[in-house]
ModelCIF file with pLDDT and N, C-alpha, C, O atoms, coordinates in Angstrom:
data_MODEL
#
_entry.id   MODEL 
#
_entity.id                         1 
_entity.type                       polymer 
_entity.pdbx_number_of_molecules   1 
#
_entity_poly.entity_id                      1 
_entity_poly.type                           'polypeptide(L)' 
_entity_poly.nstd_linkage                   no 
_entity_poly.nstd_monomer                   no 
_entity_poly.pdbx_seq_one_letter_code       
;(UNK)(UNK)(UNK)(UNK)(UNK)(UNK)(UNK)(UNK)(UNK)(UNK)(UNK)(UNK)(UNK)(UNK)(UNK)(UNK)
(UNK)(UNK)(UNK)(UNK)(UNK)(UNK)(UNK)(UNK)(UNK)(UNK)(UNK)(UNK)(UNK)(UNK)(UNK)(UNK)
(UNK)(UNK)(UNK)(UNK)(UNK)(UNK)(UNK)(UNK)(UNK)(UNK)(UNK)(UNK)(UNK)
;
_entity_poly.pdbx_seq_one_letter_code_can   XXXXXXXXXXXXXXXXXXXXXXXXXXXXXXXXXXXXXXXXXXXXX 
_entity_poly.pdbx_strand_id                 A 
#
loop_
_entity_poly_seq.entity_id 
_entity_poly_seq.num 
_entity_poly_seq.mon_id 
_entity_poly_seq.hetero 
1 1  UNK n 
1 2  UNK n 
1 3  UNK n 
1 4  UNK n 
1 5  UNK n 
1 6  UNK n 
1 7  UNK n 
1 8  UNK n 
1 9  UNK n 
1 10 UNK n 
1 11 UNK n 
1 12 UNK n 
1 13 UNK n 
1 14 UNK n 
1 15 UNK n 
1 16 UNK n 
1 17 UNK n 
1 18 UNK n 
1 19 UNK n 
1 20 UNK n 
1 21 UNK n 
1 22 UNK n 
1 23 UNK n 
1 24 UNK n 
1 25 UNK n 
1 26 UNK n 
1 27 UNK n 
1 28 UNK n 
1 29 UNK n 
1 30 UNK n 
1 31 UNK n 
1 32 UNK n 
1 33 UNK n 
1 34 UNK n 
1 35 UNK n 
1 36 UNK n 
1 37 UNK n 
1 38 UNK n 
1 39 UNK n 
1 40 UNK n 
1 41 UNK n 
1 42 UNK n 
1 43 UNK n 
1 44 UNK n 
1 45 UNK n 
#
_struct_asym.id          A 
_struct_asym.entity_id   1 
#
loop_
_ma_qa_metric.id 
_ma_qa_metric.mode 
_ma_qa_metric.name 
_ma_qa_metric.software_group_id 
_ma_qa_metric.type 
1 global pLDDT . pLDDT 
2 local  pLDDT . pLDDT 
#
_ma_qa_metric_global.metric_id      1 
_ma_qa_metric_global.metric_value   74.27 
_ma_qa_metric_global.model_id       1 
_ma_qa_metric_global.ordinal_id     1 
#
loop_
_ma_qa_metric_local.label_asym_id 
_ma_qa_metric_local.label_comp_id 
_ma_qa_metric_local.label_seq_id 
_ma_qa_metric_local.metric_id 
_ma_qa_metric_local.metric_value 
_ma_qa_metric_local.model_id 
_ma_qa_metric_local.ordinal_id 
A UNK 1  2 89.00 1 1  
A UNK 2  2 89.00 1 2  
A UNK 3  2 87.00 1 3  
A UNK 4  2 85.00 1 4  
A UNK 5  2 85.00 1 5  
A UNK 6  2 81.00 1 6  
A UNK 7  2 79.00 1 7  
A UNK 8  2 77.00 1 8  
A UNK 9  2 76.00 1 9  
A UNK 10 2 68.00 1 10 
A UNK 11 2 66.00 1 11 
A UNK 12 2 56.00 1 12 
A UNK 13 2 45.00 1 13 
A UNK 14 2 43.00 1 14 
A UNK 15 2 43.00 1 15 
A UNK 16 2 44.00 1 16 
A UNK 17 2 44.00 1 17 
A UNK 18 2 46.00 1 18 
A UNK 19 2 53.00 1 19 
A UNK 20 2 58.00 1 20 
A UNK 21 2 66.00 1 21 
A UNK 22 2 76.00 1 22 
A UNK 23 2 83.00 1 23 
A UNK 24 2 88.00 1 24 
A UNK 25 2 87.00 1 25 
A UNK 26 2 90.00 1 26 
A UNK 27 2 88.00 1 27 
A UNK 28 2 85.00 1 28 
A UNK 29 2 79.00 1 29 
A UNK 30 2 71.00 1 30 
A UNK 31 2 66.00 1 31 
A UNK 32 2 72.00 1 32 
A UNK 33 2 73.00 1 33 
A UNK 34 2 77.00 1 34 
A UNK 35 2 82.00 1 35 
A UNK 36 2 87.00 1 36 
A UNK 37 2 83.00 1 37 
A UNK 38 2 84.00 1 38 
A UNK 39 2 81.00 1 39 
A UNK 40 2 82.00 1 40 
A UNK 41 2 81.00 1 41 
A UNK 42 2 85.00 1 42 
A UNK 43 2 87.00 1 43 
A UNK 44 2 87.00 1 44 
A UNK 45 2 88.00 1 45 
#
loop_
_atom_site.group_PDB 
_atom_site.id 
_atom_site.type_symbol 
_atom_site.label_atom_id 
_atom_site.label_alt_id 
_atom_site.label_comp_id 
_atom_site.label_asym_id 
_atom_site.label_entity_id 
_atom_site.label_seq_id 
_atom_site.pdbx_PDB_ins_code 
_atom_site.Cartn_x 
_atom_site.Cartn_y 
_atom_site.Cartn_z 
_atom_site.occupancy 
_atom_site.B_iso_or_equiv 
_atom_site.pdbx_formal_charge 
_atom_site.auth_seq_id 
_atom_site.auth_comp_id 
_atom_site.auth_asym_id 
_atom_site.auth_atom_id 
_atom_site.pdbx_PDB_model_num 
ATOM 1   N N  . UNK A 1 1  ? 29.899  43.442 34.098 1.00 89.00 ? 1  UNK A N  1 
ATOM 2   C CA . UNK A 1 1  ? 29.195  43.759 35.342 1.00 89.00 ? 1  UNK A CA 1 
ATOM 3   C C  . UNK A 1 1  ? 30.145  43.733 36.536 1.00 89.00 ? 1  UNK A C  1 
ATOM 4   O O  . UNK A 1 1  ? 30.053  44.585 37.419 1.00 89.00 ? 1  UNK A O  1 
ATOM 5   N N  . UNK A 1 2  ? 31.042  42.775 36.567 1.00 89.00 ? 2  UNK A N  1 
ATOM 6   C CA . UNK A 1 2  ? 32.011  42.706 37.664 1.00 89.00 ? 2  UNK A CA 1 
ATOM 7   C C  . UNK A 1 2  ? 32.931  43.923 37.645 1.00 89.00 ? 2  UNK A C  1 
ATOM 8   O O  . UNK A 1 2  ? 33.258  44.486 38.690 1.00 89.00 ? 2  UNK A O  1 
ATOM 9   N N  . UNK A 1 3  ? 33.350  44.328 36.421 1.00 87.00 ? 3  UNK A N  1 
ATOM 10  C CA . UNK A 1 3  ? 34.218  45.498 36.310 1.00 87.00 ? 3  UNK A CA 1 
ATOM 11  C C  . UNK A 1 3  ? 33.501  46.753 36.811 1.00 87.00 ? 3  UNK A C  1 
ATOM 12  O O  . UNK A 1 3  ? 34.090  47.549 37.542 1.00 87.00 ? 3  UNK A O  1 
ATOM 13  N N  . UNK A 1 4  ? 32.236  46.935 36.427 1.00 85.00 ? 4  UNK A N  1 
ATOM 14  C CA . UNK A 1 4  ? 31.479  48.107 36.853 1.00 85.00 ? 4  UNK A CA 1 
ATOM 15  C C  . UNK A 1 4  ? 31.283  48.094 38.363 1.00 85.00 ? 4  UNK A C  1 
ATOM 16  O O  . UNK A 1 4  ? 31.391  49.134 39.013 1.00 85.00 ? 4  UNK A O  1 
ATOM 17  N N  . UNK A 1 5  ? 30.994  46.918 38.925 1.00 85.00 ? 5  UNK A N  1 
ATOM 18  C CA . UNK A 1 5  ? 30.789  46.827 40.367 1.00 85.00 ? 5  UNK A CA 1 
ATOM 19  C C  . UNK A 1 5  ? 32.074  47.160 41.133 1.00 85.00 ? 5  UNK A C  1 
ATOM 20  O O  . UNK A 1 5  ? 32.025  47.824 42.169 1.00 85.00 ? 5  UNK A O  1 
ATOM 21  N N  . UNK A 1 6  ? 33.212  46.703 40.627 1.00 81.00 ? 6  UNK A N  1 
ATOM 22  C CA . UNK A 1 6  ? 34.489  47.033 41.268 1.00 81.00 ? 6  UNK A CA 1 
ATOM 23  C C  . UNK A 1 6  ? 34.752  48.542 41.225 1.00 81.00 ? 6  UNK A C  1 
ATOM 24  O O  . UNK A 1 6  ? 35.235  49.122 42.198 1.00 81.00 ? 6  UNK A O  1 
ATOM 25  N N  . UNK A 1 7  ? 34.433  49.161 40.105 1.00 79.00 ? 7  UNK A N  1 
ATOM 26  C CA . UNK A 1 7  ? 34.633  50.603 39.986 1.00 79.00 ? 7  UNK A CA 1 
ATOM 27  C C  . UNK A 1 7  ? 33.701  51.361 40.927 1.00 79.00 ? 7  UNK A C  1 
ATOM 28  O O  . UNK A 1 7  ? 34.083  52.391 41.483 1.00 79.00 ? 7  UNK A O  1 
ATOM 29  N N  . UNK A 1 8  ? 32.479  50.856 41.107 1.00 77.00 ? 8  UNK A N  1 
ATOM 30  C CA . UNK A 1 8  ? 31.555  51.471 42.057 1.00 77.00 ? 8  UNK A CA 1 
ATOM 31  C C  . UNK A 1 8  ? 32.126  51.456 43.467 1.00 77.00 ? 8  UNK A C  1 
ATOM 32  O O  . UNK A 1 8  ? 32.016  52.432 44.208 1.00 77.00 ? 8  UNK A O  1 
ATOM 33  N N  . UNK A 1 9  ? 32.739  50.327 43.826 1.00 76.00 ? 9  UNK A N  1 
ATOM 34  C CA . UNK A 1 9  ? 33.320  50.219 45.166 1.00 76.00 ? 9  UNK A CA 1 
ATOM 35  C C  . UNK A 1 9  ? 34.444  51.234 45.356 1.00 76.00 ? 9  UNK A C  1 
ATOM 36  O O  . UNK A 1 9  ? 34.595  51.808 46.434 1.00 76.00 ? 9  UNK A O  1 
ATOM 37  N N  . UNK A 1 10 ? 35.242  51.455 44.288 1.00 68.00 ? 10 UNK A N  1 
ATOM 38  C CA . UNK A 1 10 ? 36.335  52.403 44.385 1.00 68.00 ? 10 UNK A CA 1 
ATOM 39  C C  . UNK A 1 10 ? 35.823  53.840 44.507 1.00 68.00 ? 10 UNK A C  1 
ATOM 40  O O  . UNK A 1 10 ? 36.390  54.648 45.242 1.00 68.00 ? 10 UNK A O  1 
ATOM 41  N N  . UNK A 1 11 ? 34.752  54.147 43.782 1.00 66.00 ? 11 UNK A N  1 
ATOM 42  C CA . UNK A 1 11 ? 34.205  55.501 43.818 1.00 66.00 ? 11 UNK A CA 1 
ATOM 43  C C  . UNK A 1 11 ? 33.601  55.819 45.178 1.00 66.00 ? 11 UNK A C  1 
ATOM 44  O O  . UNK A 1 11 ? 33.548  56.981 45.582 1.00 66.00 ? 11 UNK A O  1 
ATOM 45  N N  . UNK A 1 12 ? 33.151  54.797 45.878 1.00 56.00 ? 12 UNK A N  1 
ATOM 46  C CA . UNK A 1 12 ? 32.586  55.036 47.201 1.00 56.00 ? 12 UNK A CA 1 
ATOM 47  C C  . UNK A 1 12 ? 31.254  54.357 47.410 1.00 56.00 ? 12 UNK A C  1 
ATOM 48  O O  . UNK A 1 12 ? 30.634  54.482 48.467 1.00 56.00 ? 12 UNK A O  1 
ATOM 49  N N  . UNK A 1 13 ? 30.813  53.626 46.381 1.00 45.00 ? 13 UNK A N  1 
ATOM 50  C CA . UNK A 1 13 ? 29.588  52.857 46.539 1.00 45.00 ? 13 UNK A CA 1 
ATOM 51  C C  . UNK A 1 13 ? 28.358  53.704 46.736 1.00 45.00 ? 13 UNK A C  1 
ATOM 52  O O  . UNK A 1 13 ? 27.439  53.299 47.447 1.00 45.00 ? 13 UNK A O  1 
ATOM 53  N N  . UNK A 1 14 ? 28.317  54.888 46.117 1.00 43.00 ? 14 UNK A N  1 
ATOM 54  C CA . UNK A 1 14 ? 27.141  55.745 46.257 1.00 43.00 ? 14 UNK A CA 1 
ATOM 55  C C  . UNK A 1 14 ? 26.067  55.239 45.300 1.00 43.00 ? 14 UNK A C  1 
ATOM 56  O O  . UNK A 1 14 ? 26.304  55.208 44.093 1.00 43.00 ? 14 UNK A O  1 
ATOM 57  N N  . UNK A 1 15 ? 24.904  54.844 45.790 1.00 43.00 ? 15 UNK A N  1 
ATOM 58  C CA . UNK A 1 15 ? 23.842  54.263 44.980 1.00 43.00 ? 15 UNK A CA 1 
ATOM 59  C C  . UNK A 1 15 ? 22.721  55.274 44.774 1.00 43.00 ? 15 UNK A C  1 
ATOM 60  O O  . UNK A 1 15 ? 22.497  56.158 45.601 1.00 43.00 ? 15 UNK A O  1 
ATOM 61  N N  . UNK A 1 16 ? 22.046  55.129 43.690 1.00 44.00 ? 16 UNK A N  1 
ATOM 62  C CA . UNK A 1 16 ? 20.958  56.059 43.374 1.00 44.00 ? 16 UNK A CA 1 
ATOM 63  C C  . UNK A 1 16 ? 19.773  55.916 44.322 1.00 44.00 ? 16 UNK A C  1 
ATOM 64  O O  . UNK A 1 16 ? 18.922  56.803 44.386 1.00 44.00 ? 16 UNK A O  1 
ATOM 65  N N  . UNK A 1 17 ? 19.707  54.799 45.064 1.00 44.00 ? 17 UNK A N  1 
ATOM 66  C CA . UNK A 1 17 ? 18.558  54.668 45.964 1.00 44.00 ? 17 UNK A CA 1 
ATOM 67  C C  . UNK A 1 17 ? 18.658  55.611 47.163 1.00 44.00 ? 17 UNK A C  1 
ATOM 68  O O  . UNK A 1 17 ? 17.722  55.683 47.959 1.00 44.00 ? 17 UNK A O  1 
ATOM 69  N N  . UNK A 1 18 ? 19.798  56.353 47.314 1.00 46.00 ? 18 UNK A N  1 
ATOM 70  C CA . UNK A 1 18 ? 19.882  57.363 48.373 1.00 46.00 ? 18 UNK A CA 1 
ATOM 71  C C  . UNK A 1 18 ? 19.070  58.602 48.021 1.00 46.00 ? 18 UNK A C  1 
ATOM 72  O O  . UNK A 1 18 ? 18.723  59.413 48.880 1.00 46.00 ? 18 UNK A O  1 
ATOM 73  N N  . UNK A 1 19 ? 18.783  58.721 46.737 1.00 53.00 ? 19 UNK A N  1 
ATOM 74  C CA . UNK A 1 19 ? 18.002  59.889 46.305 1.00 53.00 ? 19 UNK A CA 1 
ATOM 75  C C  . UNK A 1 19 ? 16.540  59.526 46.473 1.00 53.00 ? 19 UNK A C  1 
ATOM 76  O O  . UNK A 1 19 ? 15.931  58.932 45.583 1.00 53.00 ? 19 UNK A O  1 
ATOM 77  N N  . UNK A 1 20 ? 15.983  59.883 47.613 1.00 58.00 ? 20 UNK A N  1 
ATOM 78  C CA . UNK A 1 20 ? 14.656  59.400 47.992 1.00 58.00 ? 20 UNK A CA 1 
ATOM 79  C C  . UNK A 1 20 ? 13.535  60.395 47.708 1.00 58.00 ? 20 UNK A C  1 
ATOM 80  O O  . UNK A 1 20 ? 12.360  60.071 47.878 1.00 58.00 ? 20 UNK A O  1 
ATOM 81  N N  . UNK A 1 21 ? 13.895  61.606 47.276 1.00 66.00 ? 21 UNK A N  1 
ATOM 82  C CA . UNK A 1 21 ? 12.865  62.627 47.121 1.00 66.00 ? 21 UNK A CA 1 
ATOM 83  C C  . UNK A 1 21 ? 12.586  62.955 45.660 1.00 66.00 ? 21 UNK A C  1 
ATOM 84  O O  . UNK A 1 21 ? 12.075  64.029 45.343 1.00 66.00 ? 21 UNK A O  1 
ATOM 85  N N  . UNK A 1 22 ? 12.918  62.037 44.788 1.00 76.00 ? 22 UNK A N  1 
ATOM 86  C CA . UNK A 1 22 ? 12.679  62.296 43.369 1.00 76.00 ? 22 UNK A CA 1 
ATOM 87  C C  . UNK A 1 22 ? 11.191  62.434 43.101 1.00 76.00 ? 22 UNK A C  1 
ATOM 88  O O  . UNK A 1 22 ? 10.384  61.658 43.613 1.00 76.00 ? 22 UNK A O  1 
ATOM 89  N N  . UNK A 1 23 ? 10.834  63.427 42.296 1.00 83.00 ? 23 UNK A N  1 
ATOM 90  C CA . UNK A 1 23 ? 9.449   63.633 41.887 1.00 83.00 ? 23 UNK A CA 1 
ATOM 91  C C  . UNK A 1 23 ? 9.271   63.036 40.497 1.00 83.00 ? 23 UNK A C  1 
ATOM 92  O O  . UNK A 1 23 ? 9.907   63.479 39.540 1.00 83.00 ? 23 UNK A O  1 
ATOM 93  N N  . UNK A 1 24 ? 8.409   62.035 40.386 1.00 88.00 ? 24 UNK A N  1 
ATOM 94  C CA . UNK A 1 24 ? 8.233   61.290 39.142 1.00 88.00 ? 24 UNK A CA 1 
ATOM 95  C C  . UNK A 1 24 ? 6.829   61.524 38.605 1.00 88.00 ? 24 UNK A C  1 
ATOM 96  O O  . UNK A 1 24 ? 5.844   61.436 39.339 1.00 88.00 ? 24 UNK A O  1 
ATOM 97  N N  . UNK A 1 25 ? 6.755   61.820 37.319 1.00 87.00 ? 25 UNK A N  1 
ATOM 98  C CA . UNK A 1 25 ? 5.459   62.015 36.663 1.00 87.00 ? 25 UNK A CA 1 
ATOM 99  C C  . UNK A 1 25 ? 5.470   61.265 35.342 1.00 87.00 ? 25 UNK A C  1 
ATOM 100 O O  . UNK A 1 25 ? 6.499   61.150 34.677 1.00 87.00 ? 25 UNK A O  1 
ATOM 101 N N  . UNK A 1 26 ? 4.293   60.755 34.980 1.00 90.00 ? 26 UNK A N  1 
ATOM 102 C CA . UNK A 1 26 ? 4.130   60.066 33.703 1.00 90.00 ? 26 UNK A CA 1 
ATOM 103 C C  . UNK A 1 26 ? 2.993   60.743 32.941 1.00 90.00 ? 26 UNK A C  1 
ATOM 104 O O  . UNK A 1 26 ? 1.887   60.889 33.462 1.00 90.00 ? 26 UNK A O  1 
ATOM 105 N N  . UNK A 1 27 ? 3.271   61.149 31.716 1.00 88.00 ? 27 UNK A N  1 
ATOM 106 C CA . UNK A 1 27 ? 2.255   61.721 30.840 1.00 88.00 ? 27 UNK A CA 1 
ATOM 107 C C  . UNK A 1 27 ? 1.805   60.624 29.880 1.00 88.00 ? 27 UNK A C  1 
ATOM 108 O O  . UNK A 1 27 ? 2.615   60.063 29.142 1.00 88.00 ? 27 UNK A O  1 
ATOM 109 N N  . UNK A 1 28 ? 0.516   60.327 29.896 1.00 85.00 ? 28 UNK A N  1 
ATOM 110 C CA . UNK A 1 28 ? -0.016  59.172 29.167 1.00 85.00 ? 28 UNK A CA 1 
ATOM 111 C C  . UNK A 1 28 ? -1.232  59.585 28.363 1.00 85.00 ? 28 UNK A C  1 
ATOM 112 O O  . UNK A 1 28 ? -2.066  60.366 28.821 1.00 85.00 ? 28 UNK A O  1 
ATOM 113 N N  . UNK A 1 29 ? -1.319  59.041 27.138 1.00 79.00 ? 29 UNK A N  1 
ATOM 114 C CA . UNK A 1 29 ? -2.485  59.275 26.292 1.00 79.00 ? 29 UNK A CA 1 
ATOM 115 C C  . UNK A 1 29 ? -3.356  58.033 26.274 1.00 79.00 ? 29 UNK A C  1 
ATOM 116 O O  . UNK A 1 29 ? -2.853  56.912 26.193 1.00 79.00 ? 29 UNK A O  1 
ATOM 117 N N  . UNK A 1 30 ? -4.659  58.233 26.350 1.00 71.00 ? 30 UNK A N  1 
ATOM 118 C CA . UNK A 1 30 ? -5.602  57.137 26.203 1.00 71.00 ? 30 UNK A CA 1 
ATOM 119 C C  . UNK A 1 30 ? -6.799  57.642 25.405 1.00 71.00 ? 30 UNK A C  1 
ATOM 120 O O  . UNK A 1 30 ? -6.741  58.712 24.800 1.00 71.00 ? 30 UNK A O  1 
ATOM 121 N N  . UNK A 1 31 ? -7.875  56.876 25.406 1.00 66.00 ? 31 UNK A N  1 
ATOM 122 C CA . UNK A 1 31 ? -9.044  57.252 24.609 1.00 66.00 ? 31 UNK A CA 1 
ATOM 123 C C  . UNK A 1 31 ? -9.643  58.576 25.061 1.00 66.00 ? 31 UNK A C  1 
ATOM 124 O O  . UNK A 1 31 ? -10.297 59.261 24.274 1.00 66.00 ? 31 UNK A O  1 
ATOM 125 N N  . UNK A 1 32 ? -9.424  58.947 26.336 1.00 72.00 ? 32 UNK A N  1 
ATOM 126 C CA . UNK A 1 32 ? -9.988  60.186 26.867 1.00 72.00 ? 32 UNK A CA 1 
ATOM 127 C C  . UNK A 1 32 ? -9.064  61.379 26.664 1.00 72.00 ? 32 UNK A C  1 
ATOM 128 O O  . UNK A 1 32 ? -9.441  62.513 26.960 1.00 72.00 ? 32 UNK A O  1 
ATOM 129 N N  . UNK A 1 33 ? -7.860  61.135 26.164 1.00 73.00 ? 33 UNK A N  1 
ATOM 130 C CA . UNK A 1 33 ? -6.911  62.224 25.978 1.00 73.00 ? 33 UNK A CA 1 
ATOM 131 C C  . UNK A 1 33 ? -5.672  62.032 26.824 1.00 73.00 ? 33 UNK A C  1 
ATOM 132 O O  . UNK A 1 33 ? -5.454  60.953 27.377 1.00 73.00 ? 33 UNK A O  1 
ATOM 133 N N  . UNK A 1 34 ? -4.851  63.081 26.932 1.00 77.00 ? 34 UNK A N  1 
ATOM 134 C CA . UNK A 1 34 ? -3.604  63.016 27.695 1.00 77.00 ? 34 UNK A CA 1 
ATOM 135 C C  . UNK A 1 34 ? -3.866  63.351 29.157 1.00 77.00 ? 34 UNK A C  1 
ATOM 136 O O  . UNK A 1 34 ? -4.727  64.169 29.482 1.00 77.00 ? 34 UNK A O  1 
ATOM 137 N N  . UNK A 1 35 ? -3.098  62.696 30.033 1.00 82.00 ? 35 UNK A N  1 
ATOM 138 C CA . UNK A 1 35 ? -3.230  62.956 31.468 1.00 82.00 ? 35 UNK A CA 1 
ATOM 139 C C  . UNK A 1 35 ? -1.867  62.842 32.127 1.00 82.00 ? 35 UNK A C  1 
ATOM 140 O O  . UNK A 1 35 ? -0.974  62.154 31.632 1.00 82.00 ? 35 UNK A O  1 
ATOM 141 N N  . UNK A 1 36 ? -1.724  63.532 33.257 1.00 87.00 ? 36 UNK A N  1 
ATOM 142 C CA . UNK A 1 36 ? -0.476  63.499 34.027 1.00 87.00 ? 36 UNK A CA 1 
ATOM 143 C C  . UNK A 1 36 ? -0.723  62.631 35.260 1.00 87.00 ? 36 UNK A C  1 
ATOM 144 O O  . UNK A 1 36 ? -1.687  62.841 35.996 1.00 87.00 ? 36 UNK A O  1 
ATOM 145 N N  . UNK A 1 37 ? 0.169   61.643 35.476 1.00 83.00 ? 37 UNK A N  1 
ATOM 146 C CA . UNK A 1 37 ? 0.016   60.695 36.579 1.00 83.00 ? 37 UNK A CA 1 
ATOM 147 C C  . UNK A 1 37 ? 1.186   60.864 37.542 1.00 83.00 ? 37 UNK A C  1 
ATOM 148 O O  . UNK A 1 37 ? 2.323   60.587 37.161 1.00 83.00 ? 37 UNK A O  1 
ATOM 149 N N  . UNK A 1 38 ? 0.950   61.311 38.783 1.00 84.00 ? 38 UNK A N  1 
ATOM 150 C CA . UNK A 1 38 ? 2.023   61.261 39.789 1.00 84.00 ? 38 UNK A CA 1 
ATOM 151 C C  . UNK A 1 38 ? 2.400   59.797 40.003 1.00 84.00 ? 38 UNK A C  1 
ATOM 152 O O  . UNK A 1 38 ? 1.523   58.958 40.211 1.00 84.00 ? 38 UNK A O  1 
ATOM 153 N N  . UNK A 1 39 ? 3.684   59.485 39.955 1.00 81.00 ? 39 UNK A N  1 
ATOM 154 C CA . UNK A 1 39 ? 4.092   58.081 39.879 1.00 81.00 ? 39 UNK A CA 1 
ATOM 155 C C  . UNK A 1 39 ? 5.073   57.704 40.978 1.00 81.00 ? 39 UNK A C  1 
ATOM 156 O O  . UNK A 1 39 ? 5.675   58.556 41.632 1.00 81.00 ? 39 UNK A O  1 
ATOM 157 N N  . UNK A 1 40 ? 5.211   56.383 41.158 1.00 82.00 ? 40 UNK A N  1 
ATOM 158 C CA . UNK A 1 40 ? 6.243   55.794 42.007 1.00 82.00 ? 40 UNK A CA 1 
ATOM 159 C C  . UNK A 1 40 ? 7.139   54.926 41.136 1.00 82.00 ? 40 UNK A C  1 
ATOM 160 O O  . UNK A 1 40 ? 6.847   54.701 39.962 1.00 82.00 ? 40 UNK A O  1 
ATOM 161 N N  . UNK A 1 41 ? 8.236   54.437 41.721 1.00 81.00 ? 41 UNK A N  1 
ATOM 162 C CA . UNK A 1 41 ? 9.175   53.616 40.955 1.00 81.00 ? 41 UNK A CA 1 
ATOM 163 C C  . UNK A 1 41 ? 8.526   52.362 40.389 1.00 81.00 ? 41 UNK A C  1 
ATOM 164 O O  . UNK A 1 41 ? 8.957   51.863 39.349 1.00 81.00 ? 41 UNK A O  1 
ATOM 165 N N  . UNK A 1 42 ? 7.502   51.846 41.051 1.00 85.00 ? 42 UNK A N  1 
ATOM 166 C CA . UNK A 1 42 ? 6.906   50.568 40.655 1.00 85.00 ? 42 UNK A CA 1 
ATOM 167 C C  . UNK A 1 42 ? 5.753   50.719 39.677 1.00 85.00 ? 42 UNK A C  1 
ATOM 168 O O  . UNK A 1 42 ? 5.117   49.723 39.331 1.00 85.00 ? 42 UNK A O  1 
ATOM 169 N N  . UNK A 1 43 ? 5.458   51.942 39.216 1.00 87.00 ? 43 UNK A N  1 
ATOM 170 C CA . UNK A 1 43 ? 4.381   52.119 38.248 1.00 87.00 ? 43 UNK A CA 1 
ATOM 171 C C  . UNK A 1 43 ? 4.725   51.395 36.956 1.00 87.00 ? 43 UNK A C  1 
ATOM 172 O O  . UNK A 1 43 ? 5.831   51.532 36.433 1.00 87.00 ? 43 UNK A O  1 
ATOM 173 N N  . UNK A 1 44 ? 3.779   50.628 36.449 1.00 87.00 ? 44 UNK A N  1 
ATOM 174 C CA . UNK A 1 44 ? 3.989   49.890 35.210 1.00 87.00 ? 44 UNK A CA 1 
ATOM 175 C C  . UNK A 1 44 ? 3.685   50.806 34.025 1.00 87.00 ? 44 UNK A C  1 
ATOM 176 O O  . UNK A 1 44 ? 2.609   51.398 33.944 1.00 87.00 ? 44 UNK A O  1 
ATOM 177 N N  . UNK A 1 45 ? 4.651   50.913 33.106 1.00 88.00 ? 45 UNK A N  1 
ATOM 178 C CA . UNK A 1 45 ? 4.511   51.816 31.963 1.00 88.00 ? 45 UNK A CA 1 
ATOM 179 C C  . UNK A 1 45 ? 3.786   51.118 30.817 1.00 88.00 ? 45 UNK A C  1 
ATOM 180 O O  . UNK A 1 45 ? 3.573   51.720 29.764 1.00 88.00 ? 45 UNK A O  1 
#
């Protein structure tokens, strides 16, 4: 983990949390059938 963090600093420290417009969807099956759920990062799978 320390090695990866050091390499991140060298690359420029660009983090994925800068990508704020990601469109997330979850396709889930239940007793009623399959459904598409517009999701956020905190949705519990």
